[in-house]
Amino acid sequence: ILAEIETDKATMEFESFNEGTLLHIGIQEGE
């Protein structure tokens, strides 16, 4: 699970379909 993402309907867990090292986060928490 990479992050919990709040949509227009619910807050859902978003899982990674790839493996490796997390090199960059483009959207910070709360954004």
ModelCIF file with pLDDT and N, C-alpha, C, O atoms, coordinates in Angstrom:
data_MODEL
#
_entry.id   MODEL 
#
_entity.id                         1 
_entity.type                       polymer 
_entity.pdbx_number_of_molecules   1 
#
_entity_poly.entity_id                      1 
_entity_poly.type                           'polypeptide(L)' 
_entity_poly.nstd_linkage                   no 
_entity_poly.nstd_monomer                   no 
_entity_poly.pdbx_seq_one_letter_code       ILAEIETDKATMEFESFNEGTLLHIGIQEGE 
_entity_poly.pdbx_seq_one_letter_code_can   ILAEIETDKATMEFESFNEGTLLHIGIQEGE 
_entity_poly.pdbx_strand_id                 A 
#
loop_
_entity_poly_seq.entity_id 
_entity_poly_seq.num 
_entity_poly_seq.mon_id 
_entity_poly_seq.hetero 
1 1  ILE n 
1 2  LEU n 
1 3  ALA n 
1 4  GLU n 
1 5  ILE n 
1 6  GLU n 
1 7  THR n 
1 8  ASP n 
1 9  LYS n 
1 10 ALA n 
1 11 THR n 
1 12 MET n 
1 13 GLU n 
1 14 PHE n 
1 15 GLU n 
1 16 SER n 
1 17 PHE n 
1 18 ASN n 
1 19 GLU n 
1 20 GLY n 
1 21 THR n 
1 22 LEU n 
1 23 LEU n 
1 24 HIS n 
1 25 ILE n 
1 26 GLY n 
1 27 ILE n 
1 28 GLN n 
1 29 GLU n 
1 30 GLY n 
1 31 GLU n 
#
_struct_asym.id          A 
_struct_asym.entity_id   1 
#
loop_
_ma_qa_metric.id 
_ma_qa_metric.mode 
_ma_qa_metric.name 
_ma_qa_metric.software_group_id 
_ma_qa_metric.type 
1 global pLDDT . pLDDT 
2 local  pLDDT . pLDDT 
#
_ma_qa_metric_global.metric_id      1 
_ma_qa_metric_global.metric_value   84.13 
_ma_qa_metric_global.model_id       1 
_ma_qa_metric_global.ordinal_id     1 
#
loop_
_ma_qa_metric_local.label_asym_id 
_ma_qa_metric_local.label_comp_id 
_ma_qa_metric_local.label_seq_id 
_ma_qa_metric_local.metric_id 
_ma_qa_metric_local.metric_value 
_ma_qa_metric_local.model_id 
_ma_qa_metric_local.ordinal_id 
A ILE 1  2 87.00 1 1  
A LEU 2  2 88.00 1 2  
A ALA 3  2 89.00 1 3  
A GLU 4  2 87.00 1 4  
A ILE 5  2 86.00 1 5  
A GLU 6  2 81.00 1 6  
A THR 7  2 76.00 1 7  
A ASP 8  2 63.00 1 8  
A LYS 9  2 57.00 1 9  
A ALA 10 2 67.00 1 10 
A THR 11 2 72.00 1 11 
A MET 12 2 79.00 1 12 
A GLU 13 2 81.00 1 13 
A PHE 14 2 84.00 1 14 
A GLU 15 2 83.00 1 15 
A SER 16 2 85.00 1 16 
A PHE 17 2 82.00 1 17 
A ASN 18 2 85.00 1 18 
A GLU 19 2 88.00 1 19 
A GLY 20 2 91.00 1 20 
A THR 21 2 92.00 1 21 
A LEU 22 2 91.00 1 22 
A LEU 23 2 90.00 1 23 
A HIS 24 2 91.00 1 24 
A ILE 25 2 93.00 1 25 
A GLY 26 2 90.00 1 26 
A ILE 27 2 93.00 1 27 
A GLN 28 2 92.00 1 28 
A GLU 29 2 90.00 1 29 
A GLY 30 2 86.00 1 30 
A GLU 31 2 89.00 1 31 
#
loop_
_atom_site.group_PDB 
_atom_site.id 
_atom_site.type_symbol 
_atom_site.label_atom_id 
_atom_site.label_alt_id 
_atom_site.label_comp_id 
_atom_site.label_asym_id 
_atom_site.label_entity_id 
_atom_site.label_seq_id 
_atom_site.pdbx_PDB_ins_code 
_atom_site.Cartn_x 
_atom_site.Cartn_y 
_atom_site.Cartn_z 
_atom_site.occupancy 
_atom_site.B_iso_or_equiv 
_atom_site.pdbx_formal_charge 
_atom_site.auth_seq_id 
_atom_site.auth_comp_id 
_atom_site.auth_asym_id 
_atom_site.auth_atom_id 
_atom_site.pdbx_PDB_model_num 
ATOM 1   N N  . ILE A 1 1  ? 0.856   -1.189 0.000   1.00 87.00 ? 1  ILE A N  1 
ATOM 2   C CA . ILE A 1 1  ? 0.000   0.000  0.000   1.00 87.00 ? 1  ILE A CA 1 
ATOM 3   C C  . ILE A 1 1  ? 0.890   1.236  0.000   1.00 87.00 ? 1  ILE A C  1 
ATOM 4   O O  . ILE A 1 1  ? 1.653   1.461  0.940   1.00 87.00 ? 1  ILE A O  1 
ATOM 5   N N  . LEU A 1 2  ? 0.789   2.039  -1.062  1.00 88.00 ? 2  LEU A N  1 
ATOM 6   C CA . LEU A 1 2  ? 1.587   3.264  -1.168  1.00 88.00 ? 2  LEU A CA 1 
ATOM 7   C C  . LEU A 1 2  ? 0.983   4.397  -0.351  1.00 88.00 ? 2  LEU A C  1 
ATOM 8   O O  . LEU A 1 2  ? 1.684   5.081  0.395   1.00 88.00 ? 2  LEU A O  1 
ATOM 9   N N  . ALA A 1 3  ? -0.342  4.592  -0.500  1.00 89.00 ? 3  ALA A N  1 
ATOM 10  C CA . ALA A 1 3  ? -0.975  5.755  0.115   1.00 89.00 ? 3  ALA A CA 1 
ATOM 11  C C  . ALA A 1 3  ? -2.464  5.500  0.265   1.00 89.00 ? 3  ALA A C  1 
ATOM 12  O O  . ALA A 1 3  ? -3.027  4.602  -0.361  1.00 89.00 ? 3  ALA A O  1 
ATOM 13  N N  . GLU A 1 4  ? -3.090  6.313  1.113   1.00 87.00 ? 4  GLU A N  1 
ATOM 14  C CA . GLU A 1 4  ? -4.550  6.356  1.203   1.00 87.00 ? 4  GLU A CA 1 
ATOM 15  C C  . GLU A 1 4  ? -5.010  7.598  0.464   1.00 87.00 ? 4  GLU A C  1 
ATOM 16  O O  . GLU A 1 4  ? -4.575  8.710  0.762   1.00 87.00 ? 4  GLU A O  1 
ATOM 17  N N  . ILE A 1 5  ? -5.908  7.393  -0.518  1.00 86.00 ? 5  ILE A N  1 
ATOM 18  C CA . ILE A 1 5  ? -6.334  8.491  -1.389  1.00 86.00 ? 5  ILE A CA 1 
ATOM 19  C C  . ILE A 1 5  ? -7.822  8.748  -1.180  1.00 86.00 ? 5  ILE A C  1 
ATOM 20  O O  . ILE A 1 5  ? -8.642  7.834  -1.272  1.00 86.00 ? 5  ILE A O  1 
ATOM 21  N N  . GLU A 1 6  ? -8.156  9.993  -0.900  1.00 81.00 ? 6  GLU A N  1 
ATOM 22  C CA . GLU A 1 6  ? -9.555  10.390 -0.709  1.00 81.00 ? 6  GLU A CA 1 
ATOM 23  C C  . GLU A 1 6  ? -10.146 10.783 -2.056  1.00 81.00 ? 6  GLU A C  1 
ATOM 24  O O  . GLU A 1 6  ? -9.700  11.738 -2.691  1.00 81.00 ? 6  GLU A O  1 
ATOM 25  N N  . THR A 1 7  ? -11.166 10.024 -2.485  1.00 76.00 ? 7  THR A N  1 
ATOM 26  C CA . THR A 1 7  ? -11.845 10.308 -3.748  1.00 76.00 ? 7  THR A CA 1 
ATOM 27  C C  . THR A 1 7  ? -13.117 11.080 -3.460  1.00 76.00 ? 7  THR A C  1 
ATOM 28  O O  . THR A 1 7  ? -13.330 11.541 -2.339  1.00 76.00 ? 7  THR A O  1 
ATOM 29  N N  . ASP A 1 8  ? -13.973 11.223 -4.484  1.00 63.00 ? 8  ASP A N  1 
ATOM 30  C CA . ASP A 1 8  ? -15.253 11.902 -4.284  1.00 63.00 ? 8  ASP A CA 1 
ATOM 31  C C  . ASP A 1 8  ? -16.254 11.026 -3.551  1.00 63.00 ? 8  ASP A C  1 
ATOM 32  O O  . ASP A 1 8  ? -17.348 11.486 -3.224  1.00 63.00 ? 8  ASP A O  1 
ATOM 33  N N  . LYS A 1 9  ? -15.898 9.756  -3.283  1.00 57.00 ? 9  LYS A N  1 
ATOM 34  C CA . LYS A 1 9  ? -16.848 8.838  -2.652  1.00 57.00 ? 9  LYS A CA 1 
ATOM 35  C C  . LYS A 1 9  ? -16.336 8.239  -1.358  1.00 57.00 ? 9  LYS A C  1 
ATOM 36  O O  . LYS A 1 9  ? -17.129 7.991  -0.450  1.00 57.00 ? 9  LYS A O  1 
ATOM 37  N N  . ALA A 1 10 ? -15.060 8.000  -1.242  1.00 67.00 ? 10 ALA A N  1 
ATOM 38  C CA . ALA A 1 10 ? -14.526 7.324  -0.063  1.00 67.00 ? 10 ALA A CA 1 
ATOM 39  C C  . ALA A 1 10 ? -13.018 7.510  -0.028  1.00 67.00 ? 10 ALA A C  1 
ATOM 40  O O  . ALA A 1 10 ? -12.412 7.971  -0.995  1.00 67.00 ? 10 ALA A O  1 
ATOM 41  N N  . THR A 1 11 ? -12.417 7.143  1.108   1.00 72.00 ? 11 THR A N  1 
ATOM 42  C CA . THR A 1 11 ? -10.966 7.114  1.226   1.00 72.00 ? 11 THR A CA 1 
ATOM 43  C C  . THR A 1 11 ? -10.519 5.670  1.002   1.00 72.00 ? 11 THR A C  1 
ATOM 44  O O  . THR A 1 11 ? -10.935 4.768  1.729   1.00 72.00 ? 11 THR A O  1 
ATOM 45  N N  . MET A 1 12 ? -9.673  5.455  -0.003  1.00 79.00 ? 12 MET A N  1 
ATOM 46  C CA . MET A 1 12 ? -9.336  4.110  -0.444  1.00 79.00 ? 12 MET A CA 1 
ATOM 47  C C  . MET A 1 12 ? -7.819  3.909  -0.422  1.00 79.00 ? 12 MET A C  1 
ATOM 48  O O  . MET A 1 12 ? -7.051  4.848  -0.632  1.00 79.00 ? 12 MET A O  1 
ATOM 49  N N  . GLU A 1 13 ? -7.405  2.663  -0.163  1.00 81.00 ? 13 GLU A N  1 
ATOM 50  C CA . GLU A 1 13 ? -5.988  2.321  -0.188  1.00 81.00 ? 13 GLU A CA 1 
ATOM 51  C C  . GLU A 1 13 ? -5.539  2.115  -1.630  1.00 81.00 ? 13 GLU A C  1 
ATOM 52  O O  . GLU A 1 13 ? -6.234  1.474  -2.418  1.00 81.00 ? 13 GLU A O  1 
ATOM 53  N N  . PHE A 1 14 ? -4.366  2.665  -1.975  1.00 84.00 ? 14 PHE A N  1 
ATOM 54  C CA . PHE A 1 14 ? -3.833  2.539  -3.335  1.00 84.00 ? 14 PHE A CA 1 
ATOM 55  C C  . PHE A 1 14 ? -2.560  1.714  -3.269  1.00 84.00 ? 14 PHE A C  1 
ATOM 56  O O  . PHE A 1 14 ? -1.581  2.115  -2.640  1.00 84.00 ? 14 PHE A O  1 
ATOM 57  N N  . GLU A 1 15 ? -2.580  0.572  -3.916  1.00 83.00 ? 15 GLU A N  1 
ATOM 58  C CA . GLU A 1 15 ? -1.433  -0.319 -3.840  1.00 83.00 ? 15 GLU A CA 1 
ATOM 59  C C  . GLU A 1 15 ? -0.549  -0.191 -5.075  1.00 83.00 ? 15 GLU A C  1 
ATOM 60  O O  . GLU A 1 15 ? -1.000  0.208  -6.148  1.00 83.00 ? 15 GLU A O  1 
ATOM 61  N N  . SER A 1 16 ? 0.717   -0.541 -4.896  1.00 85.00 ? 16 SER A N  1 
ATOM 62  C CA . SER A 1 16 ? 1.693   -0.432 -5.979  1.00 85.00 ? 16 SER A CA 1 
ATOM 63  C C  . SER A 1 16 ? 1.625   -1.665 -6.876  1.00 85.00 ? 16 SER A C  1 
ATOM 64  O O  . SER A 1 16 ? 1.507   -2.796 -6.405  1.00 85.00 ? 16 SER A O  1 
ATOM 65  N N  . PHE A 1 17 ? 1.702   -1.412 -8.181  1.00 82.00 ? 17 PHE A N  1 
ATOM 66  C CA . PHE A 1 17 ? 1.772   -2.500 -9.155  1.00 82.00 ? 17 PHE A CA 1 
ATOM 67  C C  . PHE A 1 17 ? 3.211   -2.703 -9.645  1.00 82.00 ? 17 PHE A C  1 
ATOM 68  O O  . PHE A 1 17 ? 3.462   -3.469 -10.575 1.00 82.00 ? 17 PHE A O  1 
ATOM 69  N N  . ASN A 1 18 ? 4.146   -2.000 -9.000  1.00 85.00 ? 18 ASN A N  1 
ATOM 70  C CA . ASN A 1 18 ? 5.556   -2.091 -9.383  1.00 85.00 ? 18 ASN A CA 1 
ATOM 71  C C  . ASN A 1 18 ? 6.397   -2.284 -8.123  1.00 85.00 ? 18 ASN A C  1 
ATOM 72  O O  . ASN A 1 18 ? 5.917   -2.091 -7.006  1.00 85.00 ? 18 ASN A O  1 
ATOM 73  N N  . GLU A 1 19 ? 7.647   -2.664 -8.318  1.00 88.00 ? 19 GLU A N  1 
ATOM 74  C CA . GLU A 1 19 ? 8.537   -2.802 -7.177  1.00 88.00 ? 19 GLU A CA 1 
ATOM 75  C C  . GLU A 1 19 ? 9.831   -2.047 -7.450  1.00 88.00 ? 19 GLU A C  1 
ATOM 76  O O  . GLU A 1 19 ? 10.219  -1.848 -8.601  1.00 88.00 ? 19 GLU A O  1 
ATOM 77  N N  . GLY A 1 20 ? 10.494  -1.630 -6.374  1.00 91.00 ? 20 GLY A N  1 
ATOM 78  C CA . GLY A 1 20 ? 11.730  -0.854 -6.484  1.00 91.00 ? 20 GLY A CA 1 
ATOM 79  C C  . GLY A 1 20 ? 11.859  0.037  -5.263  1.00 91.00 ? 20 GLY A C  1 
ATOM 80  O O  . GLY A 1 20 ? 11.455  -0.340 -4.163  1.00 91.00 ? 20 GLY A O  1 
ATOM 81  N N  . THR A 1 21 ? 12.428  1.228  -5.462  1.00 92.00 ? 21 THR A N  1 
ATOM 82  C CA . THR A 1 21 ? 12.610  2.199  -4.387  1.00 92.00 ? 21 THR A CA 1 
ATOM 83  C C  . THR A 1 21 ? 11.772  3.432  -4.708  1.00 92.00 ? 21 THR A C  1 
ATOM 84  O O  . THR A 1 21 ? 11.740  3.892  -5.849  1.00 92.00 ? 21 THR A O  1 
ATOM 85  N N  . LEU A 1 22 ? 11.089  3.966  -3.682  1.00 91.00 ? 22 LEU A N  1 
ATOM 86  C CA . LEU A 1 22 ? 10.306  5.185  -3.878  1.00 91.00 ? 22 LEU A CA 1 
ATOM 87  C C  . LEU A 1 22 ? 11.279  6.358  -3.981  1.00 91.00 ? 22 LEU A C  1 
ATOM 88  O O  . LEU A 1 22 ? 11.893  6.759  -2.991  1.00 91.00 ? 22 LEU A O  1 
ATOM 89  N N  . LEU A 1 23 ? 11.413  6.909  -5.207  1.00 90.00 ? 23 LEU A N  1 
ATOM 90  C CA . LEU A 1 23 ? 12.412  7.946  -5.475  1.00 90.00 ? 23 LEU A CA 1 
ATOM 91  C C  . LEU A 1 23 ? 11.852  9.358  -5.353  1.00 90.00 ? 23 LEU A C  1 
ATOM 92  O O  . LEU A 1 23 ? 12.602  10.303 -5.110  1.00 90.00 ? 23 LEU A O  1 
ATOM 93  N N  . HIS A 1 24 ? 10.544  9.508  -5.518  1.00 91.00 ? 24 HIS A N  1 
ATOM 94  C CA . HIS A 1 24 ? 9.975   10.861 -5.566  1.00 91.00 ? 24 HIS A CA 1 
ATOM 95  C C  . HIS A 1 24 ? 8.503   10.802 -5.196  1.00 91.00 ? 24 HIS A C  1 
ATOM 96  O O  . HIS A 1 24 ? 7.789   9.886  -5.606  1.00 91.00 ? 24 HIS A O  1 
ATOM 97  N N  . ILE A 1 25 ? 8.048   11.785 -4.417  1.00 93.00 ? 25 ILE A N  1 
ATOM 98  C CA . ILE A 1 25 ? 6.630   11.964 -4.111  1.00 93.00 ? 25 ILE A CA 1 
ATOM 99  C C  . ILE A 1 25 ? 6.187   13.274 -4.733  1.00 93.00 ? 25 ILE A C  1 
ATOM 100 O O  . ILE A 1 25 ? 6.724   14.334 -4.410  1.00 93.00 ? 25 ILE A O  1 
ATOM 101 N N  . GLY A 1 26 ? 5.206   13.205 -5.629  1.00 90.00 ? 26 GLY A N  1 
ATOM 102 C CA . GLY A 1 26 ? 4.776   14.391 -6.367  1.00 90.00 ? 26 GLY A CA 1 
ATOM 103 C C  . GLY A 1 26 ? 3.612   15.130 -5.739  1.00 90.00 ? 26 GLY A C  1 
ATOM 104 O O  . GLY A 1 26 ? 3.425   16.317 -6.004  1.00 90.00 ? 26 GLY A O  1 
ATOM 105 N N  . ILE A 1 27 ? 2.814   14.447 -4.901  1.00 93.00 ? 27 ILE A N  1 
ATOM 106 C CA . ILE A 1 27 ? 1.648   15.082 -4.260  1.00 93.00 ? 27 ILE A CA 1 
ATOM 107 C C  . ILE A 1 27 ? 1.756   14.819 -2.763  1.00 93.00 ? 27 ILE A C  1 
ATOM 108 O O  . ILE A 1 27 ? 1.704   13.668 -2.331  1.00 93.00 ? 27 ILE A O  1 
ATOM 109 N N  . GLN A 1 28 ? 1.903   15.854 -1.985  1.00 92.00 ? 28 GLN A N  1 
ATOM 110 C CA . GLN A 1 28 ? 2.102   15.709 -0.547  1.00 92.00 ? 28 GLN A CA 1 
ATOM 111 C C  . GLN A 1 28 ? 0.785   15.399 0.157   1.00 92.00 ? 28 GLN A C  1 
ATOM 112 O O  . GLN A 1 28 ? -0.294  15.580 -0.409  1.00 92.00 ? 28 GLN A O  1 
ATOM 113 N N  . GLU A 1 29 ? 0.890   14.927 1.408   1.00 90.00 ? 29 GLU A N  1 
ATOM 114 C CA . GLU A 1 29 ? -0.306  14.639 2.201   1.00 90.00 ? 29 GLU A CA 1 
ATOM 115 C C  . GLU A 1 29 ? -1.164  15.893 2.333   1.00 90.00 ? 29 GLU A C  1 
ATOM 116 O O  . GLU A 1 29 ? -0.658  16.980 2.609   1.00 90.00 ? 29 GLU A O  1 
ATOM 117 N N  . GLY A 1 30 ? -2.478  15.722 2.130   1.00 86.00 ? 30 GLY A N  1 
ATOM 118 C CA . GLY A 1 30 ? -3.409  16.843 2.228   1.00 86.00 ? 30 GLY A CA 1 
ATOM 119 C C  . GLY A 1 30 ? -3.588  17.613 0.943   1.00 86.00 ? 30 GLY A C  1 
ATOM 120 O O  . GLY A 1 30 ? -4.490  18.446 0.850   1.00 86.00 ? 30 GLY A O  1 
ATOM 121 N N  . GLU A 1 31 ? -2.738  17.354 -0.076  1.00 89.00 ? 31 GLU A N  1 
ATOM 122 C CA . GLU A 1 31 ? -2.854  18.068 -1.345  1.00 89.00 ? 31 GLU A CA 1 
ATOM 123 C C  . GLU A 1 31 ? -3.784  17.328 -2.297  1.00 89.00 ? 31 GLU A C  1 
ATOM 124 O O  . GLU A 1 31 ? -4.005  17.781 -3.421  1.00 89.00 ? 31 GLU A O  1 
#
